[in-house]
């Protein structure tokens, strides 16, 4: 068996916005996982805990990302938790769909490249 055929490519996707000052704002794996946690668990706190991340760090990451993107990704409702905004849901869904498509494409192209 071809040992190279047992390997697989891994894609790390980021969606970026380049600001007027040239800084890049990224919606990448970490922010996507926080958004997924909010969607599935109902709060930023629960999402942070599921990632073994301090709530204060999750709050800071989400706040900085929202400010840089110029749009809220989650709606915070105090003790009742949080939900994704429509934009947050759309961005997360687009990110997940694109990542899945890229993974399938990369796996196919890698298999072709290492075929015996």
Protein backbone atom coordinates (compact mmCIF):
# COMPACT_ATOMS: atom_id res chain seq x y z
CA UNK A 1 0.00 0.00 0.00
CA UNK A 2 1.19 3.50 -0.84
CA UNK A 3 1.91 5.20 2.52
CA UNK A 4 1.17 8.58 0.99
CA UNK A 5 -2.38 7.40 0.24
CA UNK A 6 -3.01 7.00 3.99
CA UNK A 7 -2.45 10.72 4.54
CA UNK A 8 -5.00 13.43 3.96
CA UNK A 9 -4.90 17.18 3.46
CA UNK A 10 -6.20 19.49 6.12
CA UNK A 11 -7.66 22.86 5.19
CA UNK A 12 -7.60 25.80 7.60
CA UNK A 13 -10.03 28.42 6.30
CA UNK A 14 -10.31 32.06 7.28
CA UNK A 15 -12.65 34.65 5.84
CA UNK A 16 -11.01 38.06 6.04
CA UNK A 17 -11.98 41.67 5.81
CA UNK A 18 -9.20 44.14 5.14
CA UNK A 19 -9.81 47.42 6.92
CA UNK A 20 -8.87 50.91 5.86
CA UNK A 21 -5.68 50.65 7.92
CA UNK A 22 -4.74 47.40 6.19
CA UNK A 23 -5.44 45.18 9.20
CA UNK A 24 -7.08 41.87 8.45
CA UNK A 25 -10.07 40.77 10.47
CA UNK A 26 -10.55 37.05 10.42
CA UNK A 27 -13.53 34.84 10.86
CA UNK A 28 -11.70 31.57 11.25
CA UNK A 29 -11.84 28.27 13.11
CA UNK A 30 -11.95 29.76 16.62
CA UNK A 31 -14.67 32.33 16.02
CA UNK A 32 -16.63 29.77 13.99
CA UNK A 33 -16.44 27.32 16.89
CA UNK A 34 -17.64 29.99 19.33
CA UNK A 35 -20.56 30.80 16.99
CA UNK A 36 -21.38 27.09 16.64
CA UNK A 37 -21.36 26.79 20.42
CA UNK A 38 -23.72 29.75 20.81
CA UNK A 39 -26.04 28.24 18.20
CA UNK A 40 -25.97 24.74 19.73
CA UNK A 41 -25.63 25.50 23.43
CA UNK A 42 -27.50 28.80 23.71
CA UNK A 43 -24.86 30.96 25.34
CA UNK A 44 -21.39 32.36 24.82
CA UNK A 45 -20.46 31.17 28.30
CA UNK A 46 -21.43 27.57 27.48
CA UNK A 47 -19.61 27.82 24.15
CA UNK A 48 -16.46 29.04 25.89
CA UNK A 49 -16.65 26.28 28.50
CA UNK A 50 -17.05 23.64 25.79
CA UNK A 51 -13.80 24.92 24.26
CA UNK A 52 -12.06 25.09 27.65
CA UNK A 53 -11.74 28.84 27.15
CA UNK A 54 -12.25 31.55 29.73
CA UNK A 55 -15.54 33.39 29.25
CA UNK A 56 -13.68 36.70 29.37
CA UNK A 57 -11.49 35.61 26.46
CA UNK A 58 -14.49 34.44 24.43
CA UNK A 59 -16.26 37.75 25.17
CA UNK A 60 -13.16 39.70 24.06
CA UNK A 61 -12.67 37.64 20.86
CA UNK A 62 -16.32 37.96 19.88
CA UNK A 63 -16.44 41.67 20.68
CA UNK A 64 -13.26 42.43 18.72
CA UNK A 65 -14.47 40.37 15.75
CA UNK A 66 -17.89 42.02 15.70
CA UNK A 67 -16.37 45.49 15.95
CA UNK A 68 -13.87 44.82 13.19
CA UNK A 69 -16.47 43.25 10.89
CA UNK A 70 -18.89 46.07 11.61
CA UNK A 71 -21.74 43.73 12.43
CA UNK A 72 -23.00 41.84 15.46
CA UNK A 73 -22.67 38.05 15.24
CA UNK A 74 -24.54 37.25 18.44
CA UNK A 75 -27.34 38.80 20.46
CA UNK A 76 -26.57 38.70 24.17
CA UNK A 77 -29.55 38.44 26.50
CA UNK A 78 -27.89 38.49 29.89
CA UNK A 79 -28.65 35.47 32.05
CA UNK A 80 -30.92 34.04 29.35
CA UNK A 81 -27.93 33.38 27.07
CA UNK A 82 -27.16 34.34 23.50
CA UNK A 83 -28.29 33.56 19.97
CA UNK A 84 -26.69 34.13 16.60
CA UNK A 85 -27.86 37.11 14.58
CA UNK A 86 -29.08 36.53 11.03
CA UNK A 87 -25.69 37.74 9.78
CA UNK A 88 -23.92 35.47 12.26
CA UNK A 89 -25.94 32.48 11.07
CA UNK A 90 -25.35 33.30 7.41
CA UNK A 91 -21.60 33.77 7.93
CA UNK A 92 -21.26 30.54 9.95
CA UNK A 93 -23.28 28.55 7.40
CA UNK A 94 -21.22 29.96 4.52
CA UNK A 95 -17.98 29.21 6.39
CA UNK A 96 -19.00 25.63 7.17
CA UNK A 97 -20.23 24.97 3.62
CA UNK A 98 -17.10 26.41 2.03
CA UNK A 99 -14.86 24.46 4.41
CA UNK A 100 -16.65 21.19 3.60
CA UNK A 101 -16.40 21.87 -0.15
CA UNK A 102 -12.69 22.69 0.13
CA UNK A 103 -12.04 19.58 2.21
CA UNK A 104 -13.72 17.35 -0.40
CA UNK A 105 -11.85 19.04 -3.24
CA UNK A 106 -8.49 18.85 -1.45
CA UNK A 107 -9.02 15.16 -0.62
CA UNK A 108 -9.83 14.40 -4.27
CA UNK A 109 -6.87 16.36 -5.63
CA UNK A 110 -4.50 14.82 -3.06
CA UNK A 111 -5.65 11.30 -3.92
CA UNK A 112 -5.02 12.01 -7.60
CA UNK A 113 -1.57 13.42 -6.83
CA UNK A 114 -0.38 10.41 -4.82
CA UNK A 115 -2.11 7.66 -6.81
CA UNK A 116 0.14 4.72 -7.73
